[in-house]
Amino acid sequence: MASAAEAAAMRRAIALSAAGLGTTSPNPPVGCVLLNPQDRIIGEGYHERKGEPHAEAQALAAAGPLAAGATAVVTLEPCNHQGRTPPCRQSLIDAGIRRVVIAIIDPTSRGEGGVVELRRAGVDVETGVLADEARTVLGDWLAGLQNRRPVITWPYLITGHTIKALPADTSEAQLLRLNADAVLEADGTVREAVAGSHGQGILALKDQAPGSNAAEAAAALYDGGVRRLLLDGGLDAAAPFLDSGLVDRVVAYLPHGEASRRPAGDRPWPLMPPGFVITGAARAGSLVRVDGQQDALR
């Protein structure tokens, strides 16, 4: 059973992993924290983008020789294959790590998996530690693997009689983009959510229209490396994805205005499309932000 110090370190690793959202795809956002035998943090790191060092390698580099005899707390099972970077399970073994605490097993792991190889090398391994909490960051990546399409979010502004795109120059729109891989614009153009955030080659369809069929477009974007997609546009732009059941989350913005008023009633629905439930609500400047997701995903 994981100790209190290991659980606390896992929560820090989860927080660190979120720094990779919007830049790691198609790789997962992962965080790692190293504890010495006295439960003090001696190194930590996260995976920032494909082709660059993984979280474990970043943490080991920070710890240096202090890693010998330490515990590695990592949000996803250390990888077990040689790609652009060495296998993380071997890096941990070579550094003399004595114990590895893991939140989620990697469904893409090669061979028998990193856990098996670590145990063969005599490393003590515990899995499933705070897995549900780790899914707050890894959940979209895991959902993409299962559905073979990106997790799709549609932010929109309700004003007057219309449902329109959230203006791109608002701080809310910029924050949403910071946590996404790509934006599908109303004219069908696909762009990186934050220009240059993935280095080169992340979007096979960058600056190209993926076609009119929503399901085919989503699958093509997944194949191009997109795991978190924003729809940019009003109801007309989002309708094909809504009708196909492909929108996973919505973020509705509406002006809170006067405390007593009679709002326009000609919109297709008052707040969110049918089938969505509220998961959060907060003030955002002169607006109210309401987060929702498909009821079936709860």
C-alpha atoms as a PDB file:
ATOM      1  CA  MET A   1       0.000   0.000   0.000  1.00  0.00           C
ATOM      2  CA  ALA A   2       1.260   3.456  -0.895  1.00  0.00           C
ATOM      3  CA  SER A   3       2.405   5.587   2.027  1.00  0.00           C
ATOM      4  CA  ALA A   4       1.006   9.018   2.831  1.00  0.00           C
ATOM      5  CA  ALA A   5       4.185  10.579   1.448  1.00  0.00           C
ATOM      6  CA  GLU A   6       3.830   8.625  -1.784  1.00  0.00           C
ATOM      7  CA  ALA A   7       0.194   9.648  -2.154  1.00  0.00           C
ATOM      8  CA  ALA A   8       1.156  13.279  -1.624  1.00  0.00           C
ATOM      9  CA  ALA A   9       3.936  12.923  -4.197  1.00  0.00           C
ATOM     10  CA  MET A  10       1.471  11.369  -6.655  1.00  0.00           C
ATOM     11  CA  ARG A  11      -0.801  14.368  -6.356  1.00  0.00           C
ATOM     12  CA  ARG A  12       2.163  16.614  -7.100  1.00  0.00           C
ATOM     13  CA  ALA A  13       3.065  14.428 -10.087  1.00  0.00           C
ATOM     14  CA  ILE A  14      -0.511  14.762 -11.369  1.00  0.00           C
ATOM     15  CA  ALA A  15      -0.274  18.545 -11.073  1.00  0.00           C
ATOM     16  CA  LEU A  16       3.066  18.550 -12.878  1.00  0.00           C
ATOM     17  CA  SER A  17       1.661  16.409 -15.673  1.00  0.00           C
ATOM     18  CA  ALA A  18      -0.980  19.042 -16.441  1.00  0.00           C
ATOM     19  CA  ALA A  19       1.817  21.340 -17.615  1.00  0.00           C
ATOM     20  CA  GLY A  20       2.039  19.081 -20.668  1.00  0.00           C
ATOM     21  CA  LEU A  21      -1.593  19.515 -21.705  1.00  0.00           C
ATOM     22  CA  GLY A  22      -1.807  20.989 -25.172  1.00  0.00           C
ATOM     23  CA  THR A  23       1.799  20.132 -26.073  1.00  0.00           C
ATOM     24  CA  THR A  24       2.462  16.399 -25.601  1.00  0.00           C
ATOM     25  CA  SER A  25       0.011  14.893 -28.097  1.00  0.00           C
ATOM     26  CA  PRO A  26      -0.069  12.309 -29.454  1.00  0.00           C
ATOM     27  CA  ASN A  27       1.943  11.282 -26.386  1.00  0.00           C
ATOM     28  CA  PRO A  28       0.297  11.322 -22.945  1.00  0.00           C
ATOM     29  CA  PRO A  29       0.894  14.109 -20.409  1.00  0.00           C
ATOM     30  CA  VAL A  30       2.830  12.440 -17.581  1.00  0.00           C
ATOM     31  CA  GLY A  31       4.418  13.641 -14.348  1.00  0.00           C
ATOM     32  CA  CYS A  32       7.042  12.037 -12.105  1.00  0.00           C
ATOM     33  CA  VAL A  33       8.330  12.792  -8.602  1.00  0.00           C
ATOM     34  CA  LEU A  34      11.327  11.104  -6.941  1.00  0.00           C
ATOM     35  CA  LEU A  35      11.441  10.569  -3.170  1.00  0.00           C
ATOM     36  CA  ASN A  36      14.529   9.680  -1.181  1.00  0.00           C
ATOM     37  CA  PRO A  37      14.320   7.134   1.704  1.00  0.00           C
ATOM     38  CA  GLN A  38      13.409  10.018   4.041  1.00  0.00           C
ATOM     39  CA  ASP A  39      10.416  10.884   1.784  1.00  0.00           C
ATOM     40  CA  ARG A  40      11.928  14.152   0.587  1.00  0.00           C
ATOM     41  CA  ILE A  41      11.531  15.165  -3.037  1.00  0.00           C
ATOM     42  CA  ILE A  42      14.887  14.997  -4.787  1.00  0.00           C
ATOM     43  CA  GLY A  43      13.740  15.462  -8.379  1.00  0.00           C
ATOM     44  CA  GLU A  44      10.644  15.899 -10.469  1.00  0.00           C
ATOM     45  CA  GLY A  45       9.656  16.408 -14.073  1.00  0.00           C
ATOM     46  CA  TYR A  46       6.990  16.153 -16.739  1.00  0.00           C
ATOM     47  CA  HIS A  47       6.780  15.257 -20.406  1.00  0.00           C
ATOM     48  CA  GLU A  48       6.474  18.404 -22.493  1.00  0.00           C
ATOM     49  CA  ARG A  49       6.287  17.251 -26.111  1.00  0.00           C
ATOM     50  CA  LYS A  50       6.805  14.254 -28.385  1.00  0.00           C
ATOM     51  CA  GLY A  51      10.440  13.418 -29.072  1.00  0.00           C
ATOM     52  CA  GLU A  52      11.687  15.108 -25.915  1.00  0.00           C
ATOM     53  CA  PRO A  53      12.579  13.440 -22.577  1.00  0.00           C
ATOM     54  CA  HIS A  54       9.755  11.718 -20.742  1.00  0.00           C
ATOM     55  CA  ALA A  55       8.735  12.636 -17.207  1.00  0.00           C
ATOM     56  CA  GLU A  56      10.901   9.934 -15.618  1.00  0.00           C
ATOM     57  CA  ALA A  57      13.989  11.074 -17.521  1.00  0.00           C
ATOM     58  CA  GLN A  58      13.376  14.689 -16.505  1.00  0.00           C
ATOM     59  CA  ALA A  59      13.042  13.716 -12.846  1.00  0.00           C
ATOM     60  CA  LEU A  60      16.146  11.534 -12.952  1.00  0.00           C
ATOM     61  CA  ALA A  61      18.150  14.335 -14.556  1.00  0.00           C
ATOM     62  CA  ALA A  62      17.100  16.664 -11.759  1.00  0.00           C
ATOM     63  CA  ALA A  63      18.008  14.165  -9.024  1.00  0.00           C
ATOM     64  CA  GLY A  64      21.325  13.023 -10.499  1.00  0.00           C
ATOM     65  CA  PRO A  65      23.181  10.562  -8.215  1.00  0.00           C
ATOM     66  CA  LEU A  66      20.583  11.063  -5.478  1.00  0.00           C
ATOM     67  CA  ALA A  67      18.238   8.820  -7.478  1.00  0.00           C
ATOM     68  CA  ALA A  68      20.010   5.665  -6.285  1.00  0.00           C
ATOM     69  CA  GLY A  69      17.742   3.950  -3.755  1.00  0.00           C
ATOM     70  CA  ALA A  70      14.882   6.395  -4.358  1.00  0.00           C
ATOM     71  CA  THR A  71      11.180   5.863  -5.069  1.00  0.00           C
ATOM     72  CA  ALA A  72       9.754   7.032  -8.391  1.00  0.00           C
ATOM     73  CA  VAL A  73       6.138   8.181  -8.247  1.00  0.00           C
ATOM     74  CA  VAL A  74       4.727   8.417 -11.780  1.00  0.00           C
ATOM     75  CA  THR A  75       1.252   9.009 -13.177  1.00  0.00           C
ATOM     76  CA  LEU A  76       1.550   6.473 -16.034  1.00  0.00           C
ATOM     77  CA  GLU A  77       3.396   3.159 -16.300  1.00  0.00           C
ATOM     78  CA  PRO A  78       6.994   3.774 -17.472  1.00  0.00           C
ATOM     79  CA  CYS A  79       7.338   3.021 -21.172  1.00  0.00           C
ATOM     80  CA  ASN A  80       8.895  -0.235 -22.301  1.00  0.00           C
ATOM     81  CA  HIS A  81      10.146   0.525 -25.800  1.00  0.00           C
ATOM     82  CA  GLN A  82      12.916   2.319 -27.597  1.00  0.00           C
ATOM     83  CA  GLY A  83      11.506   5.230 -29.567  1.00  0.00           C
ATOM     84  CA  ARG A  84      12.867   8.730 -29.951  1.00  0.00           C
ATOM     85  CA  THR A  85      13.857   8.379 -26.293  1.00  0.00           C
ATOM     86  CA  PRO A  86      15.127   5.341 -24.337  1.00  0.00           C
ATOM     87  CA  PRO A  87      12.694   3.095 -22.416  1.00  0.00           C
ATOM     88  CA  CYS A  88      11.840   4.808 -19.144  1.00  0.00           C
ATOM     89  CA  ARG A  89      11.713   1.540 -17.215  1.00  0.00           C
ATOM     90  CA  GLN A  90      15.380   0.928 -18.162  1.00  0.00           C
ATOM     91  CA  SER A  91      16.381   4.448 -17.173  1.00  0.00           C
ATOM     92  CA  LEU A  92      14.828   3.877 -13.754  1.00  0.00           C
ATOM     93  CA  ILE A  93      16.596   0.541 -13.372  1.00  0.00           C
ATOM     94  CA  ASP A  94      19.951   1.976 -14.440  1.00  0.00           C
ATOM     95  CA  ALA A  95      19.581   4.850 -11.968  1.00  0.00           C
ATOM     96  CA  GLY A  96      19.123   2.423  -9.060  1.00  0.00           C
ATOM     97  CA  ILE A  97      15.502   3.234  -8.301  1.00  0.00           C
ATOM     98  CA  ARG A  98      14.309   0.766  -5.627  1.00  0.00           C
ATOM     99  CA  ARG A  99      10.531   1.322  -5.830  1.00  0.00           C
ATOM    100  CA  VAL A 100       8.081   2.645  -8.443  1.00  0.00           C
ATOM    101  CA  VAL A 101       4.573   3.840  -7.567  1.00  0.00           C
ATOM    102  CA  ILE A 102       2.243   4.098 -10.572  1.00  0.00           C
ATOM    103  CA  ALA A 103      -1.243   5.545 -10.980  1.00  0.00           C
ATOM    104  CA  ILE A 104      -2.352   4.077 -14.337  1.00  0.00           C
ATOM    105  CA  ILE A 105      -1.103   1.165 -16.445  1.00  0.00           C
ATOM    106  CA  ASP A 106      -0.249   2.216 -20.007  1.00  0.00           C
ATOM    107  CA  PRO A 107      -2.596   0.457 -22.475  1.00  0.00           C
ATOM    108  CA  THR A 108      -0.089   1.120 -25.271  1.00  0.00           C
ATOM    109  CA  SER A 109       2.865  -0.503 -23.489  1.00  0.00           C
ATOM    110  CA  ARG A 110       4.947  -2.804 -25.689  1.00  0.00           C
ATOM    111  CA  GLY A 111       5.791  -6.404 -24.876  1.00  0.00           C
ATOM    112  CA  GLU A 112       4.912  -7.484 -21.360  1.00  0.00           C
ATOM    113  CA  GLY A 113       4.955  -3.912 -20.107  1.00  0.00           C
ATOM    114  CA  GLY A 114       7.220  -1.706 -18.063  1.00  0.00           C
ATOM    115  CA  VAL A 115       5.924  -3.053 -14.756  1.00  0.00           C
ATOM    116  CA  VAL A 116       6.948  -6.624 -15.615  1.00  0.00           C
ATOM    117  CA  GLU A 117      10.443  -5.548 -16.608  1.00  0.00           C
ATOM    118  CA  LEU A 118      10.870  -3.443 -13.488  1.00  0.00           C
ATOM    119  CA  ARG A 119       9.892  -6.350 -11.266  1.00  0.00           C
ATOM    120  CA  ARG A 120      12.230  -8.681 -13.140  1.00  0.00           C
ATOM    121  CA  ALA A 121      15.023  -6.274 -12.267  1.00  0.00           C
ATOM    122  CA  GLY A 122      14.104  -6.484  -8.582  1.00  0.00           C
ATOM    123  CA  VAL A 123      12.299  -3.157  -8.345  1.00  0.00           C
ATOM    124  CA  ASP A 124       9.312  -3.021  -5.993  1.00  0.00           C
ATOM    125  CA  VAL A 125       6.276  -1.798  -7.961  1.00  0.00           C
ATOM    126  CA  GLU A 126       2.828  -0.698  -6.830  1.00  0.00           C
ATOM    127  CA  THR A 127       0.080   0.223  -9.291  1.00  0.00           C
ATOM    128  CA  GLY A 128      -3.350   1.849  -9.175  1.00  0.00           C
ATOM    129  CA  VAL A 129      -2.352   4.583  -6.729  1.00  0.00           C
ATOM    130  CA  LEU A 130      -4.771   7.540  -7.052  1.00  0.00           C
ATOM    131  CA  ALA A 131      -5.731   6.329 -10.526  1.00  0.00           C
ATOM    132  CA  ASP A 132      -9.020   8.242 -10.553  1.00  0.00           C
ATOM    133  CA  GLU A 133      -7.234  11.476  -9.707  1.00  0.00           C
ATOM    134  CA  ALA A 134      -4.619  10.858 -12.396  1.00  0.00           C
ATOM    135  CA  ARG A 135      -7.410  10.502 -14.954  1.00  0.00           C
ATOM    136  CA  THR A 136      -8.234  14.175 -14.489  1.00  0.00           C
ATOM    137  CA  VAL A 137      -5.184  14.777 -16.701  1.00  0.00           C
ATOM    138  CA  LEU A 138      -4.784  11.472 -18.565  1.00  0.00           C
ATOM    139  CA  GLY A 139      -8.492  10.895 -19.153  1.00  0.00           C
ATOM    140  CA  ASP A 140      -8.677  12.599 -22.539  1.00  0.00           C
ATOM    141  CA  TRP A 141      -5.653  10.689 -23.813  1.00  0.00           C
ATOM    142  CA  LEU A 142      -7.169   7.421 -22.634  1.00  0.00           C
ATOM    143  CA  ALA A 143     -10.548   8.294 -24.153  1.00  0.00           C
ATOM    144  CA  GLY A 144      -8.869   9.036 -27.453  1.00  0.00           C
ATOM    145  CA  LEU A 145      -7.269   5.594 -27.478  1.00  0.00           C
ATOM    146  CA  GLN A 146     -10.621   3.976 -26.830  1.00  0.00           C
ATOM    147  CA  ASN A 147     -12.669   5.987 -29.325  1.00  0.00           C
ATOM    148  CA  ARG A 148      -9.985   6.635 -31.972  1.00  0.00           C
ATOM    149  CA  ARG A 149     -10.910  10.303 -32.119  1.00  0.00           C
ATOM    150  CA  PRO A 150     -10.076  13.453 -30.164  1.00  0.00           C
ATOM    151  CA  VAL A 151     -12.027  14.571 -27.134  1.00  0.00           C
ATOM    152  CA  ILE A 152     -14.035  17.478 -28.541  1.00  0.00           C
ATOM    153  CA  THR A 153     -14.987  20.641 -26.648  1.00  0.00           C
ATOM    154  CA  TRP A 154     -17.268  23.352 -27.980  1.00  0.00           C
ATOM    155  CA  PRO A 155     -17.122  26.769 -26.283  1.00  0.00           C
ATOM    156  CA  TYR A 156     -19.790  29.284 -27.253  1.00  0.00           C
ATOM    157  CA  LEU A 157     -21.312  32.595 -26.265  1.00  0.00           C
ATOM    158  CA  ILE A 158     -25.043  33.003 -25.712  1.00  0.00           C
ATOM    159  CA  THR A 159     -26.076  36.554 -26.467  1.00  0.00           C
ATOM    160  CA  GLY A 160     -29.413  37.976 -27.475  1.00  0.00           C
ATOM    161  CA  HIS A 161     -31.112  35.516 -29.795  1.00  0.00           C
ATOM    162  CA  THR A 162     -27.900  33.875 -31.012  1.00  0.00           C
ATOM    163  CA  ILE A 163     -25.346  31.232 -30.078  1.00  0.00           C
ATOM    164  CA  LYS A 164     -22.032  32.287 -31.525  1.00  0.00           C
ATOM    165  CA  ALA A 165     -18.331  31.586 -31.296  1.00  0.00           C
ATOM    166  CA  LEU A 166     -16.461  32.729 -28.199  1.00  0.00           C
ATOM    167  CA  PRO A 167     -14.296  35.650 -29.401  1.00  0.00           C
ATOM    168  CA  ALA A 168     -10.726  34.443 -29.874  1.00  0.00           C
ATOM    169  CA  ASP A 169      -9.205  37.525 -28.248  1.00  0.00           C
ATOM    170  CA  THR A 170     -10.817  36.910 -24.849  1.00  0.00           C
ATOM    171  CA  SER A 171      -8.810  35.535 -21.955  1.00  0.00           C
ATOM    172  CA  GLU A 172     -11.259  32.637 -21.663  1.00  0.00           C
ATOM    173  CA  ALA A 173     -10.702  31.616 -25.290  1.00  0.00           C
ATOM    174  CA  GLN A 174      -6.945  31.834 -24.879  1.00  0.00           C
ATOM    175  CA  LEU A 175      -7.070  29.653 -21.767  1.00  0.00           C
ATOM    176  CA  LEU A 176      -9.123  27.014 -23.586  1.00  0.00           C
ATOM    177  CA  ARG A 177      -6.643  27.016 -26.457  1.00  0.00           C
ATOM    178  CA  LEU A 178      -3.714  26.632 -24.068  1.00  0.00           C
ATOM    179  CA  ASN A 179      -5.104  23.254 -22.974  1.00  0.00           C
ATOM    180  CA  ALA A 180      -6.034  21.984 -26.451  1.00  0.00           C
ATOM    181  CA  ASP A 181      -4.030  20.509 -29.304  1.00  0.00           C
ATOM    182  CA  ALA A 182      -5.933  21.954 -32.224  1.00  0.00           C
ATOM    183  CA  VAL A 183      -8.831  24.177 -33.228  1.00  0.00           C
ATOM    184  CA  LEU A 184     -11.278  23.285 -35.978  1.00  0.00           C
ATOM    185  CA  GLU A 185     -12.472  26.609 -37.310  1.00  0.00           C
ATOM    186  CA  ALA A 186     -15.864  27.338 -38.791  1.00  0.00           C
ATOM    187  CA  ASP A 187     -14.518  27.189 -42.368  1.00  0.00           C
ATOM    188  CA  GLY A 188     -13.083  23.691 -41.766  1.00  0.00           C
ATOM    189  CA  THR A 189      -9.484  24.820 -41.317  1.00  0.00           C
ATOM    190  CA  VAL A 190      -7.465  22.996 -38.656  1.00  0.00           C
ATOM    191  CA  ARG A 191      -4.766  24.851 -36.762  1.00  0.00           C
ATOM    192  CA  GLU A 192      -2.647  24.241 -33.701  1.00  0.00           C
ATOM    193  CA  ALA A 193      -4.438  25.714 -30.732  1.00  0.00           C
ATOM    194  CA  VAL A 194      -1.238  27.536 -29.763  1.00  0.00           C
ATOM    195  CA  ALA A 195       1.042  28.104 -32.741  1.00  0.00           C
ATOM    196  CA  GLY A 196       4.279  26.110 -32.501  1.00  0.00           C
ATOM    197  CA  SER A 197       3.281  24.382 -29.270  1.00  0.00           C
ATOM    198  CA  HIS A 198       3.956  20.865 -30.583  1.00  0.00           C
ATOM    199  CA  GLY A 199       7.145  21.474 -32.510  1.00  0.00           C
ATOM    200  CA  GLN A 200       6.925  20.041 -36.011  1.00  0.00           C
ATOM    201  CA  GLY A 201       4.689  17.328 -37.411  1.00  0.00           C
ATOM    202  CA  ILE A 202       1.961  17.119 -34.783  1.00  0.00           C
ATOM    203  CA  LEU A 203      -0.894  17.961 -37.134  1.00  0.00           C
ATOM    204  CA  ALA A 204      -0.924  16.016 -40.362  1.00  0.00           C
ATOM    205  CA  LEU A 205      -3.884  18.160 -41.405  1.00  0.00           C
ATOM    206  CA  LYS A 206      -2.626  21.520 -40.241  1.00  0.00           C
ATOM    207  CA  ASP A 207      -4.151  24.341 -42.317  1.00  0.00           C
ATOM    208  CA  GLN A 208      -6.187  21.850 -44.316  1.00  0.00           C
ATOM    209  CA  ALA A 209      -9.923  21.290 -44.312  1.00  0.00           C
ATOM    210  CA  PRO A 210     -10.631  17.693 -43.155  1.00  0.00           C
ATOM    211  CA  GLY A 211     -13.891  17.331 -45.063  1.00  0.00           C
ATOM    212  CA  SER A 212     -17.571  17.714 -44.262  1.00  0.00           C
ATOM    213  CA  ASN A 213     -18.322  14.389 -42.529  1.00  0.00           C
ATOM    214  CA  ALA A 214     -17.909  14.956 -38.795  1.00  0.00           C
ATOM    215  CA  ALA A 215     -16.963  11.373 -37.880  1.00  0.00           C
ATOM    216  CA  GLU A 216     -14.417  11.124 -40.705  1.00  0.00           C
ATOM    217  CA  ALA A 217     -12.972  14.504 -39.779  1.00  0.00           C
ATOM    218  CA  ALA A 218     -12.592  13.477 -36.143  1.00  0.00           C
ATOM    219  CA  ALA A 219     -10.891  10.208 -37.103  1.00  0.00           C
ATOM    220  CA  ALA A 220      -8.546  12.018 -39.493  1.00  0.00           C
ATOM    221  CA  LEU A 221      -7.590  14.515 -36.818  1.00  0.00           C
ATOM    222  CA  TYR A 222      -6.844  11.686 -34.399  1.00  0.00           C
ATOM    223  CA  ASP A 223      -4.596  10.066 -37.002  1.00  0.00           C
ATOM    224  CA  GLY A 224      -2.888  13.434 -37.376  1.00  0.00           C
ATOM    225  CA  GLY A 225      -1.975  13.481 -33.683  1.00  0.00           C
ATOM    226  CA  VAL A 226      -4.833  15.510 -32.199  1.00  0.00           C
ATOM    227  CA  ARG A 227      -6.144  14.304 -28.835  1.00  0.00           C
ATOM    228  CA  ARG A 228      -7.908  17.462 -27.564  1.00  0.00           C
ATOM    229  CA  LEU A 229      -9.894  19.464 -30.119  1.00  0.00           C
ATOM    230  CA  LEU A 230     -11.750  22.758 -29.827  1.00  0.00           C
ATOM    231  CA  LEU A 231     -14.629  23.626 -32.140  1.00  0.00           C
ATOM    232  CA  ASP A 232     -14.494  27.316 -33.028  1.00  0.00           C
ATOM    233  CA  GLY A 233     -17.830  28.627 -34.228  1.00  0.00           C
ATOM    234  CA  GLY A 234     -21.477  29.078 -33.500  1.00  0.00           C
ATOM    235  CA  LEU A 235     -24.240  26.530 -33.641  1.00  0.00           C
ATOM    236  CA  ASP A 236     -24.020  26.056 -37.412  1.00  0.00           C
ATOM    237  CA  ALA A 237     -20.363  25.018 -37.149  1.00  0.00           C
ATOM    238  CA  ALA A 238     -20.948  22.694 -34.199  1.00  0.00           C
ATOM    239  CA  ALA A 239     -24.185  21.119 -35.449  1.00  0.00           C
ATOM    240  CA  PRO A 240     -22.605  18.252 -37.492  1.00  0.00           C
ATOM    241  CA  PHE A 241     -20.571  17.177 -34.451  1.00  0.00           C
ATOM    242  CA  LEU A 242     -23.499  17.563 -32.064  1.00  0.00           C
ATOM    243  CA  ASP A 243     -25.781  15.597 -34.376  1.00  0.00           C
ATOM    244  CA  SER A 244     -23.183  12.806 -34.564  1.00  0.00           C
ATOM    245  CA  GLY A 245     -22.780  12.662 -30.787  1.00  0.00           C
ATOM    246  CA  LEU A 246     -19.116  13.668 -31.060  1.00  0.00           C
ATOM    247  CA  VAL A 247     -19.074  16.695 -28.760  1.00  0.00           C
ATOM    248  CA  ASP A 248     -17.876  15.536 -25.347  1.00  0.00           C
ATOM    249  CA  ARG A 249     -17.898  18.843 -23.499  1.00  0.00           C
ATOM    250  CA  VAL A 250     -19.430  22.258 -23.882  1.00  0.00           C
ATOM    251  CA  VAL A 251     -18.419  25.532 -22.256  1.00  0.00           C
ATOM    252  CA  ALA A 252     -21.292  28.017 -22.328  1.00  0.00           C
ATOM    253  CA  TYR A 253     -20.768  31.701 -21.616  1.00  0.00           C
ATOM    254  CA  LEU A 254     -23.611  34.094 -20.955  1.00  0.00           C
ATOM    255  CA  PRO A 255     -23.700  37.666 -19.659  1.00  0.00           C
ATOM    256  CA  HIS A 256     -25.051  37.860 -16.116  1.00  0.00           C
ATOM    257  CA  GLY A 257     -26.218  41.461 -16.672  1.00  0.00           C
ATOM    258  CA  GLU A 258     -29.029  42.766 -14.532  1.00  0.00           C
ATOM    259  CA  ALA A 259     -30.464  40.742 -11.660  1.00  0.00           C
ATOM    260  CA  SER A 260     -33.955  40.967 -13.153  1.00  0.00           C
ATOM    261  CA  ARG A 261     -34.566  40.718 -16.871  1.00  0.00           C
ATOM    262  CA  ARG A 262     -36.519  38.948 -19.567  1.00  0.00           C
ATOM    263  CA  PRO A 263     -34.054  37.045 -21.815  1.00  0.00           C
ATOM    264  CA  ALA A 264     -34.639  36.279 -25.474  1.00  0.00           C
ATOM    265  CA  GLY A 265     -36.440  32.984 -25.993  1.00  0.00           C
ATOM    266  CA  ASP A 266     -35.829  32.135 -29.634  1.00  0.00           C
ATOM    267  CA  ARG A 267     -32.692  30.018 -29.154  1.00  0.00           C
ATOM    268  CA  PRO A 268     -32.930  26.224 -29.705  1.00  0.00           C
ATOM    269  CA  TRP A 269     -32.234  25.607 -26.003  1.00  0.00           C
ATOM    270  CA  PRO A 270     -31.763  27.866 -22.959  1.00  0.00           C
ATOM    271  CA  LEU A 271     -28.190  26.943 -22.035  1.00  0.00           C
ATOM    272  CA  MET A 272     -26.798  23.609 -23.279  1.00  0.00           C
ATOM    273  CA  PRO A 273     -27.735  21.098 -25.985  1.00  0.00           C
ATOM    274  CA  PRO A 274     -29.978  18.204 -24.927  1.00  0.00           C
ATOM    275  CA  GLY A 275     -28.065  15.364 -23.282  1.00  0.00           C
ATOM    276  CA  PHE A 276     -25.532  17.593 -21.507  1.00  0.00           C
ATOM    277  CA  VAL A 277     -25.307  18.124 -17.754  1.00  0.00           C
ATOM    278  CA  ILE A 278     -23.627  20.884 -15.763  1.00  0.00           C
ATOM    279  CA  THR A 279     -20.268  19.983 -14.235  1.00  0.00           C
ATOM    280  CA  GLY A 280     -19.185  23.435 -13.097  1.00  0.00           C
ATOM    281  CA  ALA A 281     -20.160  27.092 -13.038  1.00  0.00           C
ATOM    282  CA  ALA A 282     -18.296  30.293 -12.166  1.00  0.00           C
ATOM    283  CA  ARG A 283     -18.143  33.988 -12.921  1.00  0.00           C
ATOM    284  CA  ALA A 284     -15.724  34.997 -15.666  1.00  0.00           C
ATOM    285  CA  GLY A 285     -15.552  38.766 -15.744  1.00  0.00           C
ATOM    286  CA  SER A 286     -18.828  40.081 -17.121  1.00  0.00           C
ATOM    287  CA  LEU A 287     -19.868  36.542 -18.086  1.00  0.00           C
ATOM    288  CA  VAL A 288     -20.946  33.369 -16.365  1.00  0.00           C
ATOM    289  CA  ARG A 289     -19.065  30.264 -17.481  1.00  0.00           C
ATOM    290  CA  VAL A 290     -20.931  26.956 -17.338  1.00  0.00           C
ATOM    291  CA  ASP A 291     -19.093  23.698 -18.037  1.00  0.00           C
ATOM    292  CA  GLY A 292     -21.042  20.710 -19.257  1.00  0.00           C
ATOM    293  CA  GLN A 293     -20.472  17.232 -20.551  1.00  0.00           C
ATOM    294  CA  GLN A 294     -22.510  14.472 -22.091  1.00  0.00           C
ATOM    295  CA  ASP A 295     -24.646  12.843 -19.420  1.00  0.00           C
ATOM    296  CA  ALA A 296     -23.462   9.410 -20.586  1.00  0.00           C
ATOM    297  CA  LEU A 297     -19.847  10.335 -19.689  1.00  0.00           C
ATOM    298  CA  ARG A 298     -20.531  10.994 -16.001  1.00  0.00           C
END
